[in-house]
C-alpha cells in the first residue's frame, strides 16, 4: 500500500434525526488506489461520500486529507476533494462546457488563463466521448450523456480525491467501461478514488471492495 496518507475516515457517523446513515466507519484510501463501495439503496453509500466531501456534517468522527481535516464543502473543494454526485448535479439551463467551467472558477487553474481552462475542458469532454456536445444545453442531452458530462466535470478539476456516486448507473456497457477506465487513470495520476456502485463489475475492477448495510461498512477485499 502507498505510504502517503490520502483520505482517511475515523469513526465517521452520519445521522439524519434518529436515522443513522453511516455508523462508526473507519478506513483510509491512499493516493493511487480505487475503492469500490457497494450495497443496496439506502445502505448509506451516498451519505458516506457526501460526508467525505464535506457536504454533510458528521454527527461524530473525522475526515482528513493528508492529515488535514475536511470540515465543509468549500474547504474540501479547495483541498482537492472532487464529488461526482448521483443524479449528476448539473445546471440544466447551462451548456455542458459551462457546467465544466463553473467549479474551475475557484481553482488555481483559472489563473493560468482562459486558453488553458478551455484546453482542460476540451480534453475532459473528449475523454467521455462528448467533444461535439460541449455547446449543448444539459437539458438537451440524454440521461447517459448528462452522466458523462458530470464525470467530465470531475475529471476537469484534477482532484487529489475523486468520489464518484453511481457514476455508471445510466451508461451502456461501452461507456461504462470508458468511465471505469477514466477513474482508474485518475488513480494512476495520483488521486485517491472511491466509487459507490451497484455494479459487480465495478467492484471487481477496484483495488479494494467494501459493502455497506444499514450504515455499517464491511470489507470484502481490503486495499
C-alpha atoms as a PDB file:
ATOM      1  CA  UNK A   1       0.000   0.000   0.000  1.00  0.00           C
ATOM      2  CA  UNK A   2       1.141   3.525  -0.781  1.00  0.00           C
ATOM      3  CA  UNK A   3       2.631   5.065   2.366  1.00  0.00           C
ATOM      4  CA  UNK A   4       1.187   8.501   1.568  1.00  0.00           C
ATOM      5  CA  UNK A   5      -1.818   9.363   3.678  1.00  0.00           C
ATOM      6  CA  UNK A   6      -4.659  10.012   1.214  1.00  0.00           C
ATOM      7  CA  UNK A   7      -8.214  10.389   2.559  1.00  0.00           C
ATOM      8  CA  UNK A   8      -8.992   8.962   5.989  1.00  0.00           C
ATOM      9  CA  UNK A   9     -12.289   8.490   7.805  1.00  0.00           C
ATOM     10  CA  UNK A  10     -12.110   7.808  11.536  1.00  0.00           C
ATOM     11  CA  UNK A  11     -15.204   6.798  13.495  1.00  0.00           C
ATOM     12  CA  UNK A  12     -17.372   8.545  10.927  1.00  0.00           C
ATOM     13  CA  UNK A  13     -21.071   8.662  11.832  1.00  0.00           C
ATOM     14  CA  UNK A  14     -23.765  10.473   9.841  1.00  0.00           C
ATOM     15  CA  UNK A  15     -27.321  10.774  11.129  1.00  0.00           C
ATOM     16  CA  UNK A  16     -30.485  12.488   9.949  1.00  0.00           C
ATOM     17  CA  UNK A  17     -32.507  12.863  13.115  1.00  0.00           C
ATOM     18  CA  UNK A  18     -32.939   9.367  14.524  1.00  0.00           C
ATOM     19  CA  UNK A  19     -31.852   7.697  11.276  1.00  0.00           C
ATOM     20  CA  UNK A  20     -28.201   6.646  11.314  1.00  0.00           C
ATOM     21  CA  UNK A  21     -26.980   6.552   7.698  1.00  0.00           C
ATOM     22  CA  UNK A  22     -23.274   5.921   8.402  1.00  0.00           C
ATOM     23  CA  UNK A  23     -22.330   4.092  11.596  1.00  0.00           C
ATOM     24  CA  UNK A  24     -18.814   4.423  13.024  1.00  0.00           C
ATOM     25  CA  UNK A  25     -16.952   3.882   9.745  1.00  0.00           C
ATOM     26  CA  UNK A  26     -13.143   3.999   9.586  1.00  0.00           C
ATOM     27  CA  UNK A  27     -10.844   3.433   6.620  1.00  0.00           C
ATOM     28  CA  UNK A  28      -8.119   5.045   4.519  1.00  0.00           C
ATOM     29  CA  UNK A  29      -7.704   5.231   0.755  1.00  0.00           C
ATOM     30  CA  UNK A  30      -4.149   6.193  -0.258  1.00  0.00           C
ATOM     31  CA  UNK A  31      -3.268   8.069  -3.449  1.00  0.00           C
ATOM     32  CA  UNK A  32      -3.237   5.796  -6.472  1.00  0.00           C
ATOM     33  CA  UNK A  33      -5.899   3.372  -5.253  1.00  0.00           C
ATOM     34  CA  UNK A  34      -9.550   2.736  -6.182  1.00  0.00           C
ATOM     35  CA  UNK A  35     -12.033   1.621  -3.523  1.00  0.00           C
ATOM     36  CA  UNK A  36     -15.484   0.384  -4.569  1.00  0.00           C
ATOM     37  CA  UNK A  37     -18.289   0.635  -2.007  1.00  0.00           C
ATOM     38  CA  UNK A  38     -21.375  -1.409  -2.837  1.00  0.00           C
ATOM     39  CA  UNK A  39     -24.656  -2.165  -1.123  1.00  0.00           C
ATOM     40  CA  UNK A  40     -28.414  -1.795  -1.553  1.00  0.00           C
ATOM     41  CA  UNK A  41     -30.187   1.534  -1.943  1.00  0.00           C
ATOM     42  CA  UNK A  42     -30.453   3.255   1.433  1.00  0.00           C
ATOM     43  CA  UNK A  43     -27.404   1.446   2.823  1.00  0.00           C
ATOM     44  CA  UNK A  44     -25.527   4.731   3.379  1.00  0.00           C
ATOM     45  CA  UNK A  45     -23.176   4.835   0.378  1.00  0.00           C
ATOM     46  CA  UNK A  46     -24.155   8.332  -0.754  1.00  0.00           C
ATOM     47  CA  UNK A  47     -24.125   9.686   2.800  1.00  0.00           C
ATOM     48  CA  UNK A  48     -20.618   8.300   3.226  1.00  0.00           C
ATOM     49  CA  UNK A  49     -19.365  10.013   0.078  1.00  0.00           C
ATOM     50  CA  UNK A  50     -21.074  13.296   0.924  1.00  0.00           C
ATOM     51  CA  UNK A  51     -19.507  13.269   4.378  1.00  0.00           C
ATOM     52  CA  UNK A  52     -16.078  12.558   2.871  1.00  0.00           C
ATOM     53  CA  UNK A  53     -16.662  15.520   0.532  1.00  0.00           C
ATOM     54  CA  UNK A  54     -17.542  17.864   3.395  1.00  0.00           C
ATOM     55  CA  UNK A  55     -21.078  18.286   2.067  1.00  0.00           C
ATOM     56  CA  UNK A  56     -22.687  16.635   5.111  1.00  0.00           C
ATOM     57  CA  UNK A  57     -21.529  17.353   8.647  1.00  0.00           C
ATOM     58  CA  UNK A  58     -20.913  14.113  10.572  1.00  0.00           C
ATOM     59  CA  UNK A  59     -22.556  13.506  13.934  1.00  0.00           C
ATOM     60  CA  UNK A  60     -19.263  12.008  15.105  1.00  0.00           C
ATOM     61  CA  UNK A  61     -15.833  11.191  13.758  1.00  0.00           C
ATOM     62  CA  UNK A  62     -13.477  12.956  11.395  1.00  0.00           C
ATOM     63  CA  UNK A  63     -12.400  13.100   7.771  1.00  0.00           C
ATOM     64  CA  UNK A  64      -8.829  14.087   6.896  1.00  0.00           C
ATOM     65  CA  UNK A  65      -6.936  14.526   3.652  1.00  0.00           C
ATOM     66  CA  UNK A  66      -3.195  14.027   4.154  1.00  0.00           C
ATOM     67  CA  UNK A  67      -3.698  14.742   7.839  1.00  0.00           C
ATOM     68  CA  UNK A  68      -5.628  17.989   7.305  1.00  0.00           C
ATOM     69  CA  UNK A  69      -9.278  17.989   8.491  1.00  0.00           C
ATOM     70  CA  UNK A  70     -12.039  18.191   5.901  1.00  0.00           C
ATOM     71  CA  UNK A  71     -14.670  20.348   7.579  1.00  0.00           C
ATOM     72  CA  UNK A  72     -17.032  21.674   4.910  1.00  0.00           C
ATOM     73  CA  UNK A  73     -17.657  21.536   1.174  1.00  0.00           C
ATOM     74  CA  UNK A  74     -15.911  24.828   0.198  1.00  0.00           C
ATOM     75  CA  UNK A  75     -12.838  23.835   2.187  1.00  0.00           C
ATOM     76  CA  UNK A  76     -12.867  20.301   0.792  1.00  0.00           C
ATOM     77  CA  UNK A  77     -13.065  21.664  -2.729  1.00  0.00           C
ATOM     78  CA  UNK A  78     -10.016  23.840  -2.124  1.00  0.00           C
ATOM     79  CA  UNK A  79      -8.194  20.811  -0.699  1.00  0.00           C
ATOM     80  CA  UNK A  80      -8.878  18.946  -3.946  1.00  0.00           C
ATOM     81  CA  UNK A  81     -11.812  16.714  -2.996  1.00  0.00           C
ATOM     82  CA  UNK A  82     -13.972  16.232  -6.092  1.00  0.00           C
ATOM     83  CA  UNK A  83     -17.525  14.875  -5.789  1.00  0.00           C
ATOM     84  CA  UNK A  84     -19.328  13.406  -8.809  1.00  0.00           C
ATOM     85  CA  UNK A  85     -22.845  13.205  -7.336  1.00  0.00           C
ATOM     86  CA  UNK A  86     -25.585  10.719  -8.054  1.00  0.00           C
ATOM     87  CA  UNK A  87     -28.110  12.300 -10.417  1.00  0.00           C
ATOM     88  CA  UNK A  88     -25.227  14.304 -11.997  1.00  0.00           C
ATOM     89  CA  UNK A  89     -25.912  17.632 -10.186  1.00  0.00           C
ATOM     90  CA  UNK A  90     -25.648  19.637 -13.408  1.00  0.00           C
ATOM     91  CA  UNK A  91     -27.282  23.009 -14.052  1.00  0.00           C
ATOM     92  CA  UNK A  92     -29.778  22.144 -16.783  1.00  0.00           C
ATOM     93  CA  UNK A  93     -30.007  25.699 -18.147  1.00  0.00           C
ATOM     94  CA  UNK A  94     -26.250  25.838 -18.822  1.00  0.00           C
ATOM     95  CA  UNK A  95     -24.278  24.148 -21.576  1.00  0.00           C
ATOM     96  CA  UNK A  96     -22.036  21.186 -20.931  1.00  0.00           C
ATOM     97  CA  UNK A  97     -18.963  23.431 -21.242  1.00  0.00           C
ATOM     98  CA  UNK A  98     -20.381  25.976 -18.809  1.00  0.00           C
ATOM     99  CA  UNK A  99     -21.052  23.234 -16.270  1.00  0.00           C
ATOM    100  CA  UNK A 100     -17.425  22.150 -16.513  1.00  0.00           C
ATOM    101  CA  UNK A 101     -16.200  25.732 -16.210  1.00  0.00           C
ATOM    102  CA  UNK A 102     -18.118  26.580 -13.030  1.00  0.00           C
ATOM    103  CA  UNK A 103     -16.038  24.600 -10.494  1.00  0.00           C
ATOM    104  CA  UNK A 104     -12.837  25.786 -12.152  1.00  0.00           C
ATOM    105  CA  UNK A 105     -13.616  29.404 -11.288  1.00  0.00           C
ATOM    106  CA  UNK A 106     -12.355  28.930  -7.731  1.00  0.00           C
ATOM    107  CA  UNK A 107      -9.353  26.833  -8.663  1.00  0.00           C
ATOM    108  CA  UNK A 108      -5.821  27.999  -9.364  1.00  0.00           C
ATOM    109  CA  UNK A 109      -6.225  26.559 -12.844  1.00  0.00           C
ATOM    110  CA  UNK A 110      -8.160  29.688 -13.771  1.00  0.00           C
ATOM    111  CA  UNK A 111      -5.107  31.823 -13.016  1.00  0.00           C
ATOM    112  CA  UNK A 112      -3.306  30.083 -15.833  1.00  0.00           C
ATOM    113  CA  UNK A 113      -5.586  31.785 -18.348  1.00  0.00           C
ATOM    114  CA  UNK A 114      -8.738  31.079 -20.318  1.00  0.00           C
ATOM    115  CA  UNK A 115      -6.906  29.143 -23.029  1.00  0.00           C
ATOM    116  CA  UNK A 116      -5.593  26.629 -20.501  1.00  0.00           C
ATOM    117  CA  UNK A 117      -9.058  26.255 -18.946  1.00  0.00           C
ATOM    118  CA  UNK A 118     -10.591  25.722 -22.381  1.00  0.00           C
ATOM    119  CA  UNK A 119      -7.963  23.093 -23.127  1.00  0.00           C
ATOM    120  CA  UNK A 120      -8.745  21.232 -19.889  1.00  0.00           C
ATOM    121  CA  UNK A 121     -12.476  21.325 -20.679  1.00  0.00           C
ATOM    122  CA  UNK A 122     -11.907  20.127 -24.249  1.00  0.00           C
ATOM    123  CA  UNK A 123      -9.769  17.234 -23.007  1.00  0.00           C
ATOM    124  CA  UNK A 124     -12.323  16.189 -20.364  1.00  0.00           C
ATOM    125  CA  UNK A 125     -15.256  16.250 -22.793  1.00  0.00           C
ATOM    126  CA  UNK A 126     -13.262  14.288 -25.364  1.00  0.00           C
ATOM    127  CA  UNK A 127     -12.349  11.712 -22.717  1.00  0.00           C
ATOM    128  CA  UNK A 128     -16.029  10.874 -22.187  1.00  0.00           C
ATOM    129  CA  UNK A 129     -16.819  10.971 -25.907  1.00  0.00           C
ATOM    130  CA  UNK A 130     -18.731  14.265 -25.880  1.00  0.00           C
ATOM    131  CA  UNK A 131     -16.318  16.548 -27.724  1.00  0.00           C
ATOM    132  CA  UNK A 132     -19.108  17.578 -30.126  1.00  0.00           C
ATOM    133  CA  UNK A 133     -21.682  18.260 -27.390  1.00  0.00           C
ATOM    134  CA  UNK A 134     -19.963  20.966 -25.340  1.00  0.00           C
ATOM    135  CA  UNK A 135     -22.253  23.756 -26.508  1.00  0.00           C
ATOM    136  CA  UNK A 136     -25.470  21.788 -25.987  1.00  0.00           C
ATOM    137  CA  UNK A 137     -27.652  22.710 -23.042  1.00  0.00           C
ATOM    138  CA  UNK A 138     -27.709  19.966 -20.412  1.00  0.00           C
ATOM    139  CA  UNK A 139     -31.483  19.642 -20.820  1.00  0.00           C
ATOM    140  CA  UNK A 140     -30.888  18.766 -24.484  1.00  0.00           C
ATOM    141  CA  UNK A 141     -28.730  15.768 -23.576  1.00  0.00           C
ATOM    142  CA  UNK A 142     -29.858  12.243 -22.739  1.00  0.00           C
ATOM    143  CA  UNK A 143     -29.561  10.881 -19.206  1.00  0.00           C
ATOM    144  CA  UNK A 144     -26.444   8.920 -20.110  1.00  0.00           C
ATOM    145  CA  UNK A 145     -24.860  11.937 -21.778  1.00  0.00           C
ATOM    146  CA  UNK A 146     -25.606  14.058 -18.716  1.00  0.00           C
ATOM    147  CA  UNK A 147     -23.929  11.459 -16.536  1.00  0.00           C
ATOM    148  CA  UNK A 148     -20.855  11.575 -18.761  1.00  0.00           C
ATOM    149  CA  UNK A 149     -20.795  15.385 -18.540  1.00  0.00           C
ATOM    150  CA  UNK A 150     -20.796  15.048 -14.750  1.00  0.00           C
ATOM    151  CA  UNK A 151     -17.836  12.672 -14.990  1.00  0.00           C
ATOM    152  CA  UNK A 152     -16.052  15.090 -17.337  1.00  0.00           C
ATOM    153  CA  UNK A 153     -16.637  17.899 -14.833  1.00  0.00           C
ATOM    154  CA  UNK A 154     -14.985  15.767 -12.159  1.00  0.00           C
ATOM    155  CA  UNK A 155     -12.034  14.978 -14.423  1.00  0.00           C
ATOM    156  CA  UNK A 156     -11.531  18.638 -15.315  1.00  0.00           C
ATOM    157  CA  UNK A 157     -10.964  19.535 -11.649  1.00  0.00           C
ATOM    158  CA  UNK A 158      -7.915  17.247 -11.431  1.00  0.00           C
ATOM    159  CA  UNK A 159      -8.623  16.454  -7.786  1.00  0.00           C
ATOM    160  CA  UNK A 160      -6.493  14.747  -5.169  1.00  0.00           C
ATOM    161  CA  UNK A 161      -9.569  12.739  -4.187  1.00  0.00           C
ATOM    162  CA  UNK A 162     -12.365  11.679  -6.579  1.00  0.00           C
ATOM    163  CA  UNK A 163     -15.660  10.499  -5.077  1.00  0.00           C
ATOM    164  CA  UNK A 164     -17.961   9.001  -7.715  1.00  0.00           C
ATOM    165  CA  UNK A 165     -21.523   8.207  -6.626  1.00  0.00           C
ATOM    166  CA  UNK A 166     -23.172   5.698  -9.011  1.00  0.00           C
ATOM    167  CA  UNK A 167     -21.442   7.358 -11.965  1.00  0.00           C
ATOM    168  CA  UNK A 168     -22.057   4.430 -14.336  1.00  0.00           C
ATOM    169  CA  UNK A 169     -25.695   3.654 -13.492  1.00  0.00           C
ATOM    170  CA  UNK A 170     -27.218   5.108 -16.674  1.00  0.00           C
ATOM    171  CA  UNK A 171     -24.485   4.111 -19.111  1.00  0.00           C
ATOM    172  CA  UNK A 172     -24.348   1.381 -21.715  1.00  0.00           C
ATOM    173  CA  UNK A 173     -21.567  -1.184 -21.484  1.00  0.00           C
ATOM    174  CA  UNK A 174     -19.197   0.733 -23.784  1.00  0.00           C
ATOM    175  CA  UNK A 175     -19.478   3.999 -21.887  1.00  0.00           C
ATOM    176  CA  UNK A 176     -19.446   2.212 -18.547  1.00  0.00           C
ATOM    177  CA  UNK A 177     -16.076   0.714 -19.434  1.00  0.00           C
ATOM    178  CA  UNK A 178     -14.897   4.128 -20.656  1.00  0.00           C
ATOM    179  CA  UNK A 179     -15.788   5.794 -17.350  1.00  0.00           C
ATOM    180  CA  UNK A 180     -14.230   2.998 -15.293  1.00  0.00           C
ATOM    181  CA  UNK A 181     -11.030   3.358 -17.302  1.00  0.00           C
ATOM    182  CA  UNK A 182     -11.045   7.108 -16.691  1.00  0.00           C
ATOM    183  CA  UNK A 183     -11.469   6.630 -12.948  1.00  0.00           C
ATOM    184  CA  UNK A 184      -8.595   4.165 -12.996  1.00  0.00           C
ATOM    185  CA  UNK A 185      -6.491   6.780 -14.809  1.00  0.00           C
ATOM    186  CA  UNK A 186      -7.348   9.275 -12.073  1.00  0.00           C
ATOM    187  CA  UNK A 187      -5.840   6.849  -9.580  1.00  0.00           C
ATOM    188  CA  UNK A 188      -2.798   6.364 -11.800  1.00  0.00           C
ATOM    189  CA  UNK A 189      -2.440  10.156 -11.869  1.00  0.00           C
ATOM    190  CA  UNK A 190      -2.205  10.015  -8.063  1.00  0.00           C
ATOM    191  CA  UNK A 191      -5.755  10.569  -6.864  1.00  0.00           C
ATOM    192  CA  UNK A 192      -7.479   8.504  -4.201  1.00  0.00           C
ATOM    193  CA  UNK A 193     -10.689   7.262  -5.842  1.00  0.00           C
ATOM    194  CA  UNK A 194     -13.835   5.995  -4.115  1.00  0.00           C
ATOM    195  CA  UNK A 195     -16.727   4.699  -6.207  1.00  0.00           C
ATOM    196  CA  UNK A 196     -20.189   3.945  -4.802  1.00  0.00           C
ATOM    197  CA  UNK A 197     -21.826   1.357  -7.042  1.00  0.00           C
ATOM    198  CA  UNK A 198     -24.410  -1.375  -7.502  1.00  0.00           C
ATOM    199  CA  UNK A 199     -22.384  -2.872 -10.361  1.00  0.00           C
ATOM    200  CA  UNK A 200     -20.433  -6.071  -9.527  1.00  0.00           C
ATOM    201  CA  UNK A 201     -18.042  -5.420 -12.439  1.00  0.00           C
ATOM    202  CA  UNK A 202     -17.097  -2.043 -10.942  1.00  0.00           C
ATOM    203  CA  UNK A 203     -16.387  -3.671  -7.589  1.00  0.00           C
ATOM    204  CA  UNK A 204     -14.377  -6.443  -9.247  1.00  0.00           C
ATOM    205  CA  UNK A 205     -12.161  -3.930 -11.057  1.00  0.00           C
ATOM    206  CA  UNK A 206     -11.306  -1.879  -7.972  1.00  0.00           C
ATOM    207  CA  UNK A 207      -8.230  -2.330  -5.784  1.00  0.00           C
ATOM    208  CA  UNK A 208     -10.440  -2.829  -2.750  1.00  0.00           C
ATOM    209  CA  UNK A 209     -14.109  -3.587  -2.170  1.00  0.00           C
ATOM    210  CA  UNK A 210     -16.276  -2.800   0.830  1.00  0.00           C
ATOM    211  CA  UNK A 211     -20.009  -3.238   1.313  1.00  0.00           C
ATOM    212  CA  UNK A 212     -22.423  -1.136   3.324  1.00  0.00           C
ATOM    213  CA  UNK A 213     -25.564  -2.343   5.055  1.00  0.00           C
ATOM    214  CA  UNK A 214     -27.651  -0.116   7.319  1.00  0.00           C
ATOM    215  CA  UNK A 215     -24.714   2.263   7.635  1.00  0.00           C
ATOM    216  CA  UNK A 216     -22.140  -0.343   8.616  1.00  0.00           C
ATOM    217  CA  UNK A 217     -19.111  -0.948   6.402  1.00  0.00           C
ATOM    218  CA  UNK A 218     -17.620  -4.422   5.936  1.00  0.00           C
ATOM    219  CA  UNK A 219     -14.570  -5.364   3.905  1.00  0.00           C
ATOM    220  CA  UNK A 220     -14.912  -7.871   1.084  1.00  0.00           C
ATOM    221  CA  UNK A 221     -11.393  -7.185  -0.207  1.00  0.00           C
ATOM    222  CA  UNK A 222      -9.082  -4.831   1.635  1.00  0.00           C
ATOM    223  CA  UNK A 223      -6.840  -2.319  -0.098  1.00  0.00           C
END
